[in-house]
Amino acid sequence: MRLLDRTKDIAAVDAVYPFALDELLGKAVGAGEPPVCHLWRHPRAFVIGSKDSRLPHAAEAVRRLEERGYSVLVRNSGGAAVPLDPGVVNLSLILPIDERRSQDFRADFERMYALIRRAAAEYGTKVDKGEVAGSFCPGDYDLSIDGLKFCGIAQRRQLRAMIIQAFVIVEGSGSARARLVKEFYDIAGYGAEPGSYPEVRPETMTSLEERSVTGLDSIETFAESITRIVRDAGSKDADAPLVLPDAQAIVDMGRELRARYPLP
C-alpha cells in the first residue's frame, strides 16, 4: 500500500477535489496499481449525503453555509452531513475489489476500524465500534471513546476498486462541529417527515484532543502514527513514488462528480 499524506496541504480548494482524486486513484488501483492510503484535510467544507440533499429546505441550508464560506458538496459515498476543517483528518483506503472473496462491506469497514483502533491502542486508548445515538453521520461503524463519537466510516465502490473513507476529529471541539450540523438540519429538514434526517445532539461528539489521547491529539502526530502503522505492516510499496493524475484530469473528474451528485 502506497502512502499519500496531504495533511499539510490545506489550500482553499473546492471540496470536490479530494473526492475526485480518490475517484481517479480508485480507477488506477482497479487497473492493477498498488492500493493507496490517502490522508487529507480541507480548510472549510461541508459534505452532505444524497438523502440530505432532498430535504425540503436543503437549498436554503446550503445557501447559508456558502454565505459563511463553506465549500459544500454532495458526497459520492454513503453517509450523511459532515463538516470538514483543519482539525479533521480524512482517511481513504483505496483497495482493489477481489471477486474471489465475500462482497460483505463490513469486511472493508473492519479494515479501517482496525487501523484506527491500533493507532489508539498504541497510546493506551480503547476505541469502541457501534452507532452513537445523537451523533452526526450515524452508522454501525461509528468509532467512539468513552461513549462519544470521534470518527465515522463510509464507502464508495467502483467496478474494480473500493474507497473506504473515514473522517477523524483530531483537534478542537466535537460538539461545536455537531452544532453546525444540527443548524443545517434545523433549516434543511423543516417540515420533513420524522426520521428523514439524523436528530443531532452535540454532546455526543468529541475529538481525540478532547479525550486527551496524548500521542494522537494533533494533526501531525495522528498522521505520523497512521503512516508508521502502514509502513510497519510490511508494505513494500509504502514509500514508492506515486504518480498523481494530472491537474486537468482531477478538475474534469470534479466536474463530473458535481454533475452526477448536484447540490439542491
C-alpha atoms as a PDB file:
ATOM      1  CA  MET A   1       0.000   0.000   0.000  1.00  0.00           C
ATOM      2  CA  ARG A   2       1.374   3.392  -1.006  1.00  0.00           C
ATOM      3  CA  LEU A   3       1.072   6.430   1.245  1.00  0.00           C
ATOM      4  CA  LEU A   4      -0.231   9.806   0.123  1.00  0.00           C
ATOM      5  CA  ASP A   5      -0.119  12.253   3.043  1.00  0.00           C
ATOM      6  CA  ARG A   6      -1.669  15.587   2.030  1.00  0.00           C
ATOM      7  CA  THR A   7      -2.458  16.773   5.560  1.00  0.00           C
ATOM      8  CA  LYS A   8      -0.043  19.701   5.211  1.00  0.00           C
ATOM      9  CA  ASP A   9      -1.815  20.889   2.052  1.00  0.00           C
ATOM     10  CA  ILE A  10      -4.933  22.758   3.180  1.00  0.00           C
ATOM     11  CA  ALA A  11      -5.282  25.297   0.390  1.00  0.00           C
ATOM     12  CA  ALA A  12      -8.841  26.586  -0.025  1.00  0.00           C
ATOM     13  CA  VAL A  13      -9.796  24.417  -2.998  1.00  0.00           C
ATOM     14  CA  ASP A  14     -13.233  23.121  -3.960  1.00  0.00           C
ATOM     15  CA  ALA A  15     -14.298  20.344  -1.557  1.00  0.00           C
ATOM     16  CA  VAL A  16     -14.778  18.060  -4.563  1.00  0.00           C
ATOM     17  CA  TYR A  17     -11.000  17.951  -5.223  1.00  0.00           C
ATOM     18  CA  PRO A  18     -10.019  15.144  -2.779  1.00  0.00           C
ATOM     19  CA  PHE A  19     -13.050  13.084  -3.779  1.00  0.00           C
ATOM     20  CA  ALA A  20     -12.158  13.476  -7.455  1.00  0.00           C
ATOM     21  CA  LEU A  21      -8.574  12.478  -6.655  1.00  0.00           C
ATOM     22  CA  ASP A  22      -9.804   9.382  -4.778  1.00  0.00           C
ATOM     23  CA  GLU A  23     -12.044   8.507  -7.716  1.00  0.00           C
ATOM     24  CA  LEU A  24      -9.132   8.610 -10.160  1.00  0.00           C
ATOM     25  CA  LEU A  25      -6.793   6.747  -7.809  1.00  0.00           C
ATOM     26  CA  GLY A  26      -9.522   4.125  -7.460  1.00  0.00           C
ATOM     27  CA  LYS A  27      -9.602   3.635 -11.212  1.00  0.00           C
ATOM     28  CA  ALA A  28      -5.814   3.217 -11.222  1.00  0.00           C
ATOM     29  CA  VAL A  29      -5.924   0.691  -8.371  1.00  0.00           C
ATOM     30  CA  GLY A  30      -8.707  -1.171 -10.155  1.00  0.00           C
ATOM     31  CA  ALA A  31      -6.471  -1.362 -13.225  1.00  0.00           C
ATOM     32  CA  GLY A  32      -3.668  -3.012 -11.260  1.00  0.00           C
ATOM     33  CA  GLU A  33      -1.794  -0.257  -9.429  1.00  0.00           C
ATOM     34  CA  PRO A  34      -0.961  -0.882  -5.725  1.00  0.00           C
ATOM     35  CA  PRO A  35      -3.512   0.177  -3.081  1.00  0.00           C
ATOM     36  CA  VAL A  36      -3.281   3.683  -1.612  1.00  0.00           C
ATOM     37  CA  CYS A  37      -3.728   5.188   1.857  1.00  0.00           C
ATOM     38  CA  HIS A  38      -4.669   8.851   1.316  1.00  0.00           C
ATOM     39  CA  LEU A  39      -4.660  11.300   4.244  1.00  0.00           C
ATOM     40  CA  TRP A  40      -6.068  14.785   3.649  1.00  0.00           C
ATOM     41  CA  ARG A  41      -7.718  17.839   5.185  1.00  0.00           C
ATOM     42  CA  HIS A  42      -9.881  20.727   3.980  1.00  0.00           C
ATOM     43  CA  PRO A  43      -9.936  24.241   5.486  1.00  0.00           C
ATOM     44  CA  ARG A  44     -13.712  24.804   5.412  1.00  0.00           C
ATOM     45  CA  ALA A  45     -16.117  22.365   3.810  1.00  0.00           C
ATOM     46  CA  PHE A  46     -19.496  20.802   4.487  1.00  0.00           C
ATOM     47  CA  VAL A  47     -20.247  17.451   2.851  1.00  0.00           C
ATOM     48  CA  ILE A  48     -23.854  16.234   2.714  1.00  0.00           C
ATOM     49  CA  GLY A  49     -25.426  12.931   1.741  1.00  0.00           C
ATOM     50  CA  SER A  50     -27.740  12.334  -1.196  1.00  0.00           C
ATOM     51  CA  LYS A  51     -30.672  11.922   1.207  1.00  0.00           C
ATOM     52  CA  ASP A  52     -29.778  15.235   2.871  1.00  0.00           C
ATOM     53  CA  SER A  53     -29.897  16.993  -0.499  1.00  0.00           C
ATOM     54  CA  ARG A  54     -33.568  16.005  -0.897  1.00  0.00           C
ATOM     55  CA  LEU A  55     -34.766  17.545   2.382  1.00  0.00           C
ATOM     56  CA  PRO A  56     -37.481  20.207   1.901  1.00  0.00           C
ATOM     57  CA  HIS A  57     -35.267  23.240   2.581  1.00  0.00           C
ATOM     58  CA  ALA A  58     -31.866  21.812   1.677  1.00  0.00           C
ATOM     59  CA  ALA A  59     -31.207  24.552  -0.891  1.00  0.00           C
ATOM     60  CA  GLU A  60     -31.697  27.256   1.747  1.00  0.00           C
ATOM     61  CA  ALA A  61     -29.433  25.446   4.216  1.00  0.00           C
ATOM     62  CA  VAL A  62     -26.714  25.082   1.561  1.00  0.00           C
ATOM     63  CA  ARG A  63     -27.009  28.761   0.622  1.00  0.00           C
ATOM     64  CA  ARG A  64     -26.471  29.804   4.234  1.00  0.00           C
ATOM     65  CA  LEU A  65     -23.394  27.596   4.532  1.00  0.00           C
ATOM     66  CA  GLU A  66     -21.931  29.037   1.341  1.00  0.00           C
ATOM     67  CA  GLU A  67     -22.542  32.566   2.644  1.00  0.00           C
ATOM     68  CA  ARG A  68     -20.390  31.611   5.644  1.00  0.00           C
ATOM     69  CA  GLY A  69     -17.563  30.494   3.369  1.00  0.00           C
ATOM     70  CA  TYR A  70     -18.128  26.739   3.281  1.00  0.00           C
ATOM     71  CA  SER A  71     -17.441  24.715   0.152  1.00  0.00           C
ATOM     72  CA  VAL A  72     -20.496  22.418   0.031  1.00  0.00           C
ATOM     73  CA  LEU A  73     -20.595  19.063  -1.732  1.00  0.00           C
ATOM     74  CA  VAL A  74     -22.984  16.127  -2.112  1.00  0.00           C
ATOM     75  CA  ARG A  75     -20.832  13.090  -1.319  1.00  0.00           C
ATOM     76  CA  ASN A  76     -20.464  10.162  -3.720  1.00  0.00           C
ATOM     77  CA  SER A  77     -20.215   7.668  -0.856  1.00  0.00           C
ATOM     78  CA  GLY A  78     -22.692   6.638   1.795  1.00  0.00           C
ATOM     79  CA  GLY A  79     -23.361   8.697   4.886  1.00  0.00           C
ATOM     80  CA  ALA A  80     -24.912  11.991   5.931  1.00  0.00           C
ATOM     81  CA  ALA A  81     -23.727  15.538   6.670  1.00  0.00           C
ATOM     82  CA  VAL A  82     -20.174  16.054   7.941  1.00  0.00           C
ATOM     83  CA  PRO A  83     -18.262  19.329   8.452  1.00  0.00           C
ATOM     84  CA  LEU A  84     -14.581  19.394   7.478  1.00  0.00           C
ATOM     85  CA  ASP A  85     -11.967  21.811   8.802  1.00  0.00           C
ATOM     86  CA  PRO A  86      -8.226  21.844   9.621  1.00  0.00           C
ATOM     87  CA  GLY A  87      -8.797  19.801  12.804  1.00  0.00           C
ATOM     88  CA  VAL A  88     -10.338  16.866  10.923  1.00  0.00           C
ATOM     89  CA  VAL A  89      -8.181  14.251   9.191  1.00  0.00           C
ATOM     90  CA  ASN A  90      -9.806  12.302   6.381  1.00  0.00           C
ATOM     91  CA  LEU A  91      -8.519   8.828   5.595  1.00  0.00           C
ATOM     92  CA  SER A  92      -9.143   6.973   2.345  1.00  0.00           C
ATOM     93  CA  LEU A  93      -8.124   3.338   1.901  1.00  0.00           C
ATOM     94  CA  ILE A  94      -8.250   2.680  -1.836  1.00  0.00           C
ATOM     95  CA  LEU A  95      -8.252  -1.064  -2.464  1.00  0.00           C
ATOM     96  CA  PRO A  96      -8.867  -3.428  -5.377  1.00  0.00           C
ATOM     97  CA  ILE A  97     -12.048  -5.494  -5.354  1.00  0.00           C
ATOM     98  CA  ASP A  98     -11.201  -9.174  -5.148  1.00  0.00           C
ATOM     99  CA  GLU A  99     -14.082 -11.033  -6.766  1.00  0.00           C
ATOM    100  CA  ARG A 100     -12.939 -14.256  -5.097  1.00  0.00           C
ATOM    101  CA  ARG A 101     -13.807 -13.062  -1.615  1.00  0.00           C
ATOM    102  CA  SER A 102     -17.042 -12.066   0.056  1.00  0.00           C
ATOM    103  CA  GLN A 103     -18.566  -8.769  -1.029  1.00  0.00           C
ATOM    104  CA  ASP A 104     -19.670  -8.048   2.545  1.00  0.00           C
ATOM    105  CA  PHE A 105     -18.936  -4.342   3.017  1.00  0.00           C
ATOM    106  CA  ARG A 106     -18.332  -4.928   6.727  1.00  0.00           C
ATOM    107  CA  ALA A 107     -15.018  -6.619   5.992  1.00  0.00           C
ATOM    108  CA  ASP A 108     -13.808  -3.430   4.331  1.00  0.00           C
ATOM    109  CA  PHE A 109     -15.103  -1.234   7.159  1.00  0.00           C
ATOM    110  CA  GLU A 110     -13.337  -3.533   9.623  1.00  0.00           C
ATOM    111  CA  ARG A 111     -10.032  -2.814   7.892  1.00  0.00           C
ATOM    112  CA  MET A 112     -10.401   0.916   8.525  1.00  0.00           C
ATOM    113  CA  TYR A 113     -11.591   0.277  12.073  1.00  0.00           C
ATOM    114  CA  ALA A 114      -8.564  -1.930  12.739  1.00  0.00           C
ATOM    115  CA  LEU A 115      -6.175   0.776  11.515  1.00  0.00           C
ATOM    116  CA  ILE A 116      -7.631   3.496  13.760  1.00  0.00           C
ATOM    117  CA  ARG A 117      -8.101   1.132  16.708  1.00  0.00           C
ATOM    118  CA  ARG A 118      -4.449   0.089  16.526  1.00  0.00           C
ATOM    119  CA  ALA A 119      -3.271   3.698  16.410  1.00  0.00           C
ATOM    120  CA  ALA A 120      -5.269   4.484  19.562  1.00  0.00           C
ATOM    121  CA  ALA A 121      -4.257   1.268  21.339  1.00  0.00           C
ATOM    122  CA  GLU A 122      -0.579   2.140  20.952  1.00  0.00           C
ATOM    123  CA  TYR A 123      -1.289   5.162  23.169  1.00  0.00           C
ATOM    124  CA  GLY A 124      -3.354   3.289  25.722  1.00  0.00           C
ATOM    125  CA  THR A 125      -6.803   4.250  24.432  1.00  0.00           C
ATOM    126  CA  LYS A 126      -9.645   1.848  23.669  1.00  0.00           C
ATOM    127  CA  VAL A 127     -11.821   2.615  20.632  1.00  0.00           C
ATOM    128  CA  ASP A 128     -15.327   1.175  20.514  1.00  0.00           C
ATOM    129  CA  LYS A 129     -17.436   0.481  17.429  1.00  0.00           C
ATOM    130  CA  GLY A 130     -21.195   0.894  17.078  1.00  0.00           C
ATOM    131  CA  GLU A 131     -23.767   3.573  16.380  1.00  0.00           C
ATOM    132  CA  VAL A 132     -23.709   6.511  18.763  1.00  0.00           C
ATOM    133  CA  ALA A 133     -27.265   7.817  19.074  1.00  0.00           C
ATOM    134  CA  GLY A 134     -27.446  11.567  18.528  1.00  0.00           C
ATOM    135  CA  SER A 135     -24.173  11.809  16.586  1.00  0.00           C
ATOM    136  CA  PHE A 136     -23.910  13.300  13.119  1.00  0.00           C
ATOM    137  CA  CYS A 137     -23.497  10.919  10.165  1.00  0.00           C
ATOM    138  CA  PRO A 138     -24.558   7.986  12.388  1.00  0.00           C
ATOM    139  CA  GLY A 139     -23.952   4.366  11.466  1.00  0.00           C
ATOM    140  CA  ASP A 140     -22.911   0.921  12.665  1.00  0.00           C
ATOM    141  CA  TYR A 141     -19.273   1.921  12.230  1.00  0.00           C
ATOM    142  CA  ASP A 142     -19.244   4.993  14.425  1.00  0.00           C
ATOM    143  CA  LEU A 143     -15.963   4.932  16.366  1.00  0.00           C
ATOM    144  CA  SER A 144     -16.082   6.263  19.894  1.00  0.00           C
ATOM    145  CA  ILE A 145     -14.102   6.778  23.088  1.00  0.00           C
ATOM    146  CA  ASP A 146     -15.915   6.825  26.428  1.00  0.00           C
ATOM    147  CA  GLY A 147     -19.204   6.614  24.510  1.00  0.00           C
ATOM    148  CA  LEU A 148     -18.522   9.763  22.465  1.00  0.00           C
ATOM    149  CA  LYS A 149     -18.062   9.629  18.693  1.00  0.00           C
ATOM    150  CA  PHE A 150     -14.927  10.996  17.031  1.00  0.00           C
ATOM    151  CA  CYS A 151     -14.926   9.104  13.718  1.00  0.00           C
ATOM    152  CA  GLY A 152     -17.318   7.834  11.054  1.00  0.00           C
ATOM    153  CA  ILE A 153     -16.725   5.478   8.136  1.00  0.00           C
ATOM    154  CA  ALA A 154     -18.320   5.352   4.678  1.00  0.00           C
ATOM    155  CA  GLN A 155     -17.608   3.512   1.442  1.00  0.00           C
ATOM    156  CA  ARG A 156     -17.566   4.193  -2.275  1.00  0.00           C
ATOM    157  CA  ARG A 157     -17.483   1.187  -4.636  1.00  0.00           C
ATOM    158  CA  GLN A 158     -16.321   1.269  -8.239  1.00  0.00           C
ATOM    159  CA  LEU A 159     -16.365  -1.621 -10.674  1.00  0.00           C
ATOM    160  CA  ARG A 160     -12.880  -2.879  -9.712  1.00  0.00           C
ATOM    161  CA  ALA A 161     -11.939  -0.843  -6.635  1.00  0.00           C
ATOM    162  CA  MET A 162     -13.381   0.328  -3.324  1.00  0.00           C
ATOM    163  CA  ILE A 163     -12.683   3.510  -1.400  1.00  0.00           C
ATOM    164  CA  ILE A 164     -13.217   3.279   2.357  1.00  0.00           C
ATOM    165  CA  GLN A 165     -13.389   6.800   3.762  1.00  0.00           C
ATOM    166  CA  ALA A 166     -13.210   7.916   7.385  1.00  0.00           C
ATOM    167  CA  PHE A 167     -13.369  11.332   8.991  1.00  0.00           C
ATOM    168  CA  VAL A 168     -11.404  11.567  12.237  1.00  0.00           C
ATOM    169  CA  ILE A 169     -11.955  14.554  14.537  1.00  0.00           C
ATOM    170  CA  VAL A 170      -8.458  15.049  15.904  1.00  0.00           C
ATOM    171  CA  GLU A 171      -8.328  18.629  17.200  1.00  0.00           C
ATOM    172  CA  GLY A 172     -10.903  21.066  18.539  1.00  0.00           C
ATOM    173  CA  SER A 173     -14.458  20.644  19.750  1.00  0.00           C
ATOM    174  CA  GLY A 174     -16.623  17.760  18.609  1.00  0.00           C
ATOM    175  CA  SER A 175     -19.763  19.383  19.985  1.00  0.00           C
ATOM    176  CA  ALA A 176     -19.102  22.667  18.145  1.00  0.00           C
ATOM    177  CA  ARG A 177     -19.000  20.802  14.854  1.00  0.00           C
ATOM    178  CA  ALA A 178     -22.160  18.923  15.807  1.00  0.00           C
ATOM    179  CA  ARG A 179     -23.943  22.219  16.468  1.00  0.00           C
ATOM    180  CA  LEU A 180     -23.137  23.278  12.901  1.00  0.00           C
ATOM    181  CA  VAL A 181     -24.634  20.037  11.572  1.00  0.00           C
ATOM    182  CA  LYS A 182     -27.704  20.487  13.775  1.00  0.00           C
ATOM    183  CA  GLU A 183     -28.171  24.012  12.398  1.00  0.00           C
ATOM    184  CA  PHE A 184     -28.052  22.578   8.864  1.00  0.00           C
ATOM    185  CA  TYR A 185     -30.758  20.004   9.639  1.00  0.00           C
ATOM    186  CA  ASP A 186     -32.895  22.514  11.561  1.00  0.00           C
ATOM    187  CA  ILE A 187     -33.128  24.515   8.329  1.00  0.00           C
ATOM    188  CA  ALA A 188     -32.975  21.786   5.670  1.00  0.00           C
ATOM    189  CA  GLY A 189     -35.331  19.424   7.455  1.00  0.00           C
ATOM    190  CA  TYR A 190     -38.030  21.881   8.484  1.00  0.00           C
ATOM    191  CA  GLY A 191     -41.382  20.258   7.670  1.00  0.00           C
ATOM    192  CA  ALA A 192     -39.828  16.880   6.774  1.00  0.00           C
ATOM    193  CA  GLU A 193     -41.274  13.590   7.923  1.00  0.00           C
ATOM    194  CA  PRO A 194     -39.945  12.363  11.300  1.00  0.00           C
ATOM    195  CA  GLY A 195     -36.862  10.185  10.805  1.00  0.00           C
ATOM    196  CA  SER A 196     -35.926  11.837   7.494  1.00  0.00           C
ATOM    197  CA  TYR A 197     -32.639  13.074   8.924  1.00  0.00           C
ATOM    198  CA  PRO A 198     -30.430  12.491  11.979  1.00  0.00           C
ATOM    199  CA  GLU A 199     -31.508  14.131  15.221  1.00  0.00           C
ATOM    200  CA  VAL A 200     -28.131  15.526  16.248  1.00  0.00           C
ATOM    201  CA  ARG A 201     -27.275  16.043  19.911  1.00  0.00           C
ATOM    202  CA  PRO A 202     -23.988  17.975  20.113  1.00  0.00           C
ATOM    203  CA  GLU A 203     -22.917  16.439  23.425  1.00  0.00           C
ATOM    204  CA  THR A 204     -22.448  13.033  21.710  1.00  0.00           C
ATOM    205  CA  MET A 205     -19.428  14.177  19.652  1.00  0.00           C
ATOM    206  CA  THR A 206     -15.797  14.597  20.730  1.00  0.00           C
ATOM    207  CA  SER A 207     -12.232  14.788  19.414  1.00  0.00           C
ATOM    208  CA  LEU A 208      -9.017  12.918  20.179  1.00  0.00           C
ATOM    209  CA  GLU A 209      -7.696  16.130  21.708  1.00  0.00           C
ATOM    210  CA  GLU A 210     -10.735  16.422  23.997  1.00  0.00           C
ATOM    211  CA  ARG A 211     -10.370  12.787  25.091  1.00  0.00           C
ATOM    212  CA  SER A 212      -6.700  13.550  25.964  1.00  0.00           C
ATOM    213  CA  VAL A 213      -5.344  10.831  23.694  1.00  0.00           C
ATOM    214  CA  THR A 214      -1.762  12.020  24.121  1.00  0.00           C
ATOM    215  CA  GLY A 215       0.227  10.973  21.073  1.00  0.00           C
ATOM    216  CA  LEU A 216      -2.717  11.262  18.696  1.00  0.00           C
ATOM    217  CA  ASP A 217      -4.073  14.634  19.795  1.00  0.00           C
ATOM    218  CA  SER A 218      -2.579  16.741  16.999  1.00  0.00           C
ATOM    219  CA  ILE A 219      -2.817  16.543  13.236  1.00  0.00           C
ATOM    220  CA  GLU A 220       0.916  15.924  12.891  1.00  0.00           C
ATOM    221  CA  THR A 221       1.129  13.114  15.436  1.00  0.00           C
ATOM    222  CA  PHE A 222      -2.038  11.396  14.183  1.00  0.00           C
ATOM    223  CA  ALA A 223      -0.793  11.437  10.575  1.00  0.00           C
ATOM    224  CA  GLU A 224       2.623  10.170  11.670  1.00  0.00           C
ATOM    225  CA  SER A 225       1.024   7.306  13.599  1.00  0.00           C
ATOM    226  CA  ILE A 226      -1.120   6.184  10.675  1.00  0.00           C
ATOM    227  CA  THR A 227       1.771   6.324   8.203  1.00  0.00           C
ATOM    228  CA  ARG A 228       4.033   4.392  10.586  1.00  0.00           C
ATOM    229  CA  ILE A 229       1.433   1.641  11.040  1.00  0.00           C
ATOM    230  CA  VAL A 230       1.048   1.294   7.272  1.00  0.00           C
ATOM    231  CA  ARG A 231       4.835   1.058   6.905  1.00  0.00           C
ATOM    232  CA  ASP A 232       5.153  -1.393   9.802  1.00  0.00           C
ATOM    233  CA  ALA A 233       2.578  -3.642   8.137  1.00  0.00           C
ATOM    234  CA  GLY A 234       5.398  -4.569   5.784  1.00  0.00           C
ATOM    235  CA  SER A 235       4.100  -2.773   2.737  1.00  0.00           C
ATOM    236  CA  LYS A 236       6.992  -2.626   0.288  1.00  0.00           C
ATOM    237  CA  ASP A 237       5.092  -0.001  -1.688  1.00  0.00           C
ATOM    238  CA  ALA A 238       4.550   2.432   1.223  1.00  0.00           C
ATOM    239  CA  ASP A 239       7.211   4.928   0.150  1.00  0.00           C
ATOM    240  CA  ALA A 240       7.240   4.087  -3.551  1.00  0.00           C
ATOM    241  CA  PRO A 241       6.751   7.097  -5.834  1.00  0.00           C
ATOM    242  CA  LEU A 242       3.087   7.761  -6.528  1.00  0.00           C
ATOM    243  CA  VAL A 243       2.273   9.419  -9.815  1.00  0.00           C
ATOM    244  CA  LEU A 244      -0.820  11.516  -9.290  1.00  0.00           C
ATOM    245  CA  PRO A 245      -3.379  12.166 -12.021  1.00  0.00           C
ATOM    246  CA  ASP A 246      -2.665  15.399 -13.855  1.00  0.00           C
ATOM    247  CA  ALA A 247      -4.369  18.556 -12.643  1.00  0.00           C
ATOM    248  CA  GLN A 248      -6.807  18.778 -15.535  1.00  0.00           C
ATOM    249  CA  ALA A 249      -7.953  15.185 -15.057  1.00  0.00           C
ATOM    250  CA  ILE A 250      -8.777  15.963 -11.415  1.00  0.00           C
ATOM    251  CA  VAL A 251     -10.677  19.115 -12.433  1.00  0.00           C
ATOM    252  CA  ASP A 252     -12.621  17.174 -15.056  1.00  0.00           C
ATOM    253  CA  MET A 253     -13.485  14.413 -12.588  1.00  0.00           C
ATOM    254  CA  GLY A 254     -14.605  17.022 -10.073  1.00  0.00           C
ATOM    255  CA  ARG A 255     -16.987  18.500 -12.638  1.00  0.00           C
ATOM    256  CA  GLU A 256     -18.298  15.026 -13.412  1.00  0.00           C
ATOM    257  CA  LEU A 257     -18.940  14.294  -9.723  1.00  0.00           C
ATOM    258  CA  ARG A 258     -20.718  17.604  -9.175  1.00  0.00           C
ATOM    259  CA  ALA A 259     -22.900  16.936 -12.218  1.00  0.00           C
ATOM    260  CA  ARG A 260     -23.664  13.406 -11.043  1.00  0.00           C
ATOM    261  CA  TYR A 261     -24.368  14.470  -7.454  1.00  0.00           C
ATOM    262  CA  PRO A 262     -25.757  18.015  -7.784  1.00  0.00           C
ATOM    263  CA  LEU A 263     -26.412  20.406  -4.948  1.00  0.00           C
ATOM    264  CA  PRO A 264     -30.074  21.154  -4.259  1.00  0.00           C
END
